[in-house]
Amino acid sequence: MYHGVTDVGNIRSNNEDVFFINEASLYCLVADGMGGAAAGEVASRIFAETAQAVFSGHDGRSEENTIARVQTTFKLANDKILKHVERHPDDQGMGCTAELLAFSEDSFIVGHVGDSRTYRLKNNALKQLTKDHSLVQEQLDQGLITPEEARQHAMRNVILRAVGVNDTVALDILKGKRHPGDLFLLCSDGLTDMVDETTVQTALCGDNNLNEKSSALIRLAKSAGGKDNVTVVLASIV
């Protein structure tokens, strides 16, 4: 079971986030565009369209095949965004962060680039599966700043990896076993910059359906300021 929602937020005039769900092909994604004007939205859309093509006919029978499709999606999307910039020089600097979650047999596979995130709620405990490719995360890893300082850092939106920025894309692949009752959350930083993980966990626990939980997260981000586009996708293992 899946559900996704995106919102422009309280400040921005356009939405550069894109999400896509294909339950039959066992995957979902969130992409957060960068580059300003319409360019970021174009990059996000290219990523989503590339995934649709690559995952056409995916049945999840082979974990190896699923991982290959995730890798291919990021590589092809990276190439397509770069080619778009060649044809449209005014869009120089466009790109996107991206989360792609796919299922195979009893496993999950996550492809991750940037500072959008994937979480798993298991036994009512929320765990961040991905690590941000950001300047602030690098400083956290080096012990230069505290988590509290990171949340308020003036450069917290400076990312170190994105799709469509360099000739090759440095991709994180994560995988693990999925279990009945697991709930996966894919989200753009429009959520995590506004809402702390404890509050997200509380919103995801309980008996509300996926639609209600998704909407609750959007409301929380907007109530906290809604400074960016905010997108969430939930995938529930039954």
Protein backbone atom coordinates (compact mmCIF):
# COMPACT_ATOMS: atom_id res chain seq x y z
CA MET A 1 0.00 0.00 0.00
CA TYR A 2 1.28 3.43 -0.95
CA HIS A 3 0.24 7.06 -0.62
CA GLY A 4 1.94 10.31 -1.56
CA VAL A 5 1.25 14.03 -1.42
CA THR A 6 3.14 17.19 -2.34
CA ASP A 7 2.51 20.80 -1.39
CA VAL A 8 4.08 24.06 -2.55
CA GLY A 9 4.38 25.25 1.05
CA ASN A 10 3.81 28.72 2.45
CA ILE A 11 6.58 30.70 0.75
CA ARG A 12 7.48 29.32 -2.68
CA SER A 13 5.50 30.24 -5.78
CA ASN A 14 6.15 26.99 -7.65
CA ASN A 15 6.62 23.37 -6.65
CA GLU A 16 9.90 21.78 -7.76
CA ASP A 17 9.17 18.51 -5.93
CA VAL A 18 7.84 15.46 -7.75
CA PHE A 19 6.67 12.12 -6.41
CA PHE A 20 5.59 9.01 -8.25
CA ILE A 21 4.11 5.70 -7.13
CA ASN A 22 3.75 2.53 -9.20
CA GLU A 23 2.30 -0.16 -6.98
CA ALA A 24 2.22 -2.74 -9.79
CA SER A 25 5.93 -2.29 -10.48
CA LEU A 26 6.79 -2.22 -6.76
CA TYR A 27 8.47 1.18 -6.46
CA CYS A 28 7.98 4.79 -5.44
CA LEU A 29 10.10 7.92 -5.51
CA VAL A 30 10.54 11.50 -4.38
CA ALA A 31 12.65 14.05 -6.26
CA ASP A 32 13.38 17.60 -5.11
CA GLY A 33 14.44 19.98 -7.86
CA MET A 34 17.07 22.67 -7.63
CA GLY A 35 18.08 25.41 -9.98
CA GLY A 36 15.37 27.99 -9.67
CA ALA A 37 12.55 29.05 -11.98
CA ALA A 38 11.12 26.01 -13.78
CA ALA A 39 14.48 24.25 -14.15
CA GLY A 40 14.35 22.37 -10.85
CA GLU A 41 10.88 21.09 -11.64
CA VAL A 42 12.13 19.88 -15.02
CA ALA A 43 14.99 17.94 -13.39
CA SER A 44 12.61 16.27 -10.93
CA ARG A 45 10.23 15.35 -13.72
CA ILE A 46 13.06 13.88 -15.82
CA PHE A 47 14.04 11.66 -12.90
CA ALA A 48 10.46 10.44 -12.40
CA GLU A 49 9.94 9.79 -16.11
CA THR A 50 13.23 7.91 -16.31
CA ALA A 51 12.19 5.65 -13.43
CA GLN A 52 8.89 4.91 -15.14
CA ALA A 53 10.72 3.76 -18.27
CA VAL A 54 13.38 1.73 -16.45
CA PHE A 55 10.92 -0.02 -14.12
CA SER A 56 8.44 -0.90 -16.83
CA GLY A 57 7.64 -4.60 -16.40
CA HIS A 58 9.47 -4.90 -13.07
CA ASP A 59 8.08 -7.83 -11.09
CA GLY A 60 10.44 -7.88 -8.11
CA ARG A 61 11.48 -11.49 -8.60
CA SER A 62 15.19 -10.75 -8.67
CA GLU A 63 16.97 -8.55 -6.12
CA GLU A 64 19.94 -8.25 -8.47
CA ASN A 65 17.71 -7.03 -11.28
CA THR A 66 15.97 -4.57 -8.97
CA ILE A 67 19.28 -3.07 -7.83
CA ALA A 68 20.38 -2.78 -11.47
CA ARG A 69 17.19 -0.91 -12.33
CA VAL A 70 17.73 1.52 -9.45
CA GLN A 71 21.30 2.19 -10.58
CA THR A 72 20.23 2.57 -14.20
CA THR A 73 17.51 5.07 -13.27
CA PHE A 74 19.97 7.39 -11.57
CA LYS A 75 22.59 7.09 -14.31
CA LEU A 76 20.15 7.70 -17.17
CA ALA A 77 18.41 10.57 -15.36
CA ASN A 78 21.78 12.17 -14.69
CA ASP A 79 22.67 11.93 -18.37
CA LYS A 80 19.29 13.26 -19.51
CA ILE A 81 19.45 16.29 -17.22
CA LEU A 82 22.96 17.13 -18.44
CA LYS A 83 21.79 16.85 -22.06
CA HIS A 84 18.85 19.14 -21.28
CA VAL A 85 21.27 21.76 -19.95
CA GLU A 86 23.37 21.46 -23.12
CA ARG A 87 20.28 22.31 -25.16
CA HIS A 88 19.08 24.98 -22.69
CA PRO A 89 22.13 26.82 -21.28
CA ASP A 90 19.91 29.16 -19.26
CA ASP A 91 19.06 26.15 -17.07
CA GLN A 92 22.70 25.67 -16.05
CA GLY A 93 22.85 24.51 -12.41
CA MET A 94 19.60 22.56 -12.46
CA GLY A 95 19.44 19.14 -10.86
CA CYS A 96 17.57 17.24 -8.19
CA THR A 97 17.95 15.19 -5.08
CA ALA A 98 16.19 11.85 -5.28
CA GLU A 99 14.92 8.89 -3.27
CA LEU A 100 13.89 5.71 -5.08
CA LEU A 101 12.47 2.83 -3.05
CA ALA A 102 11.88 -0.52 -4.78
CA PHE A 103 10.85 -3.92 -3.49
CA SER A 104 12.10 -7.35 -4.51
CA GLU A 105 11.03 -10.68 -3.02
CA ASP A 106 11.38 -10.06 0.73
CA SER A 107 13.83 -7.15 0.38
CA PHE A 108 13.77 -3.39 -0.01
CA ILE A 109 16.29 -1.39 -2.05
CA VAL A 110 16.82 2.37 -1.70
CA GLY A 111 18.69 4.58 -4.13
CA HIS A 112 19.66 7.89 -2.53
CA VAL A 113 21.35 11.10 -3.67
CA GLY A 114 21.18 14.45 -1.85
CA ASP A 115 19.34 15.56 1.26
CA SER A 116 15.91 14.12 0.68
CA ARG A 117 15.51 11.16 3.03
CA THR A 118 14.14 7.66 3.45
CA TYR A 119 13.01 6.40 6.87
CA ARG A 120 11.58 3.15 8.14
CA LEU A 121 9.07 2.90 10.99
CA LYS A 122 9.43 -0.52 12.59
CA ASN A 123 7.70 -1.49 15.83
CA ASN A 124 6.74 2.19 16.26
CA ALA A 125 10.41 3.26 16.17
CA LEU A 126 11.53 5.59 13.36
CA LYS A 127 14.98 5.12 11.82
CA GLN A 128 16.60 7.24 9.14
CA LEU A 129 18.02 4.86 6.55
CA THR A 130 19.82 7.41 4.39
CA LYS A 131 22.54 9.92 5.25
CA ASP A 132 22.32 13.44 3.86
CA HIS A 133 24.88 14.38 1.22
CA SER A 134 25.19 17.89 2.64
CA LEU A 135 27.76 20.27 4.06
CA VAL A 136 26.03 20.24 7.44
CA GLN A 137 26.04 16.42 7.58
CA GLU A 138 29.76 16.44 6.80
CA GLN A 139 30.35 18.86 9.67
CA LEU A 140 28.23 16.69 11.94
CA ASP A 141 30.25 13.61 11.01
CA GLN A 142 33.46 15.48 11.84
CA GLY A 143 32.07 16.59 15.21
CA LEU A 144 32.32 20.27 14.29
CA ILE A 145 28.68 21.02 15.12
CA THR A 146 25.94 19.48 17.24
CA PRO A 147 22.64 18.11 15.90
CA GLU A 148 20.90 21.13 17.47
CA GLU A 149 23.25 23.50 15.64
CA ALA A 150 22.71 21.57 12.42
CA ARG A 151 18.96 22.20 12.49
CA GLN A 152 19.52 25.97 12.58
CA HIS A 153 22.65 26.14 10.44
CA ALA A 154 22.63 28.91 7.84
CA MET A 155 24.10 26.52 5.22
CA ARG A 156 21.95 23.48 5.96
CA ASN A 157 20.62 23.45 2.39
CA VAL A 158 24.06 23.25 0.75
CA ILE A 159 24.18 19.77 -0.78
CA LEU A 160 27.27 17.92 -1.97
CA ARG A 161 25.62 15.47 -4.37
CA ALA A 162 22.72 15.78 -6.77
CA VAL A 163 21.39 14.16 -9.93
CA GLY A 164 22.28 16.05 -13.10
CA VAL A 165 25.12 18.21 -11.79
CA ASN A 166 28.26 16.19 -12.59
CA ASP A 167 29.18 13.81 -15.42
CA THR A 168 28.69 10.88 -13.07
CA VAL A 169 26.35 10.59 -10.10
CA ALA A 170 27.63 9.16 -6.79
CA LEU A 171 24.77 6.95 -5.66
CA ASP A 172 24.12 5.33 -2.29
CA ILE A 173 22.38 1.94 -2.47
CA LEU A 174 20.85 0.58 0.71
CA LYS A 175 19.05 -2.71 1.08
CA GLY A 176 17.53 -4.87 3.78
CA LYS A 177 14.78 -7.31 4.61
CA ARG A 178 11.23 -6.02 4.72
CA HIS A 179 8.70 -7.30 7.22
CA PRO A 180 4.92 -7.05 7.61
CA GLY A 181 4.09 -3.88 9.51
CA ASP A 182 7.06 -1.90 8.20
CA LEU A 183 6.22 1.63 7.08
CA PHE A 184 8.65 3.47 4.79
CA LEU A 185 8.70 7.27 4.48
CA LEU A 186 10.31 9.09 1.56
CA CYS A 187 10.38 12.87 1.93
CA SER A 188 11.95 16.06 0.67
CA ASP A 189 13.83 18.37 3.03
CA GLY A 190 10.76 20.58 3.13
CA LEU A 191 9.53 18.18 5.79
CA THR A 192 12.70 17.42 7.73
CA ASP A 193 13.88 21.05 7.88
CA MET A 194 10.60 21.97 9.55
CA VAL A 195 9.64 18.97 11.67
CA ASP A 196 11.84 16.99 14.07
CA GLU A 197 11.99 13.20 13.93
CA THR A 198 10.13 12.68 17.21
CA THR A 199 7.15 14.59 15.84
CA VAL A 200 7.32 12.69 12.54
CA GLN A 201 7.37 9.40 14.43
CA THR A 202 4.33 10.38 16.46
CA ALA A 203 2.43 11.30 13.30
CA LEU A 204 3.25 7.94 11.70
CA CYS A 205 2.25 5.80 14.67
CA GLY A 206 -1.35 4.96 15.41
CA ASP A 207 -4.25 3.62 13.42
CA ASN A 208 -4.74 6.42 10.87
CA ASN A 209 -4.61 5.35 7.23
CA LEU A 210 -1.77 6.35 4.91
CA ASN A 211 -3.74 9.25 3.46
CA GLU A 212 -4.34 10.72 6.91
CA LYS A 213 -0.72 10.23 7.97
CA SER A 214 0.61 11.85 4.80
CA SER A 215 -1.70 14.83 5.19
CA ALA A 216 -0.72 15.19 8.85
CA LEU A 217 2.96 15.46 7.93
CA ILE A 218 2.22 18.14 5.34
CA ARG A 219 0.20 20.12 7.89
CA LEU A 220 3.00 19.87 10.44
CA ALA A 221 5.57 21.23 7.97
CA LYS A 222 3.34 24.11 6.94
CA SER A 223 2.39 24.92 10.54
CA ALA A 224 6.11 25.12 11.37
CA GLY A 225 6.69 27.66 8.60
CA GLY A 226 6.41 25.76 5.32
CA LYS A 227 9.50 27.52 3.95
CA ASP A 228 10.00 25.02 1.14
CA ASN A 229 7.99 22.64 -1.00
CA VAL A 230 7.14 19.57 1.06
CA THR A 231 6.57 16.07 -0.27
CA VAL A 232 5.99 12.75 1.45
CA VAL A 233 5.41 9.22 0.16
CA LEU A 234 4.45 6.35 2.46
CA ALA A 235 4.85 2.67 1.59
CA SER A 236 3.31 0.13 3.96
CA ILE A 237 4.23 -3.55 4.05
CA VAL A 238 1.22 -5.75 4.72
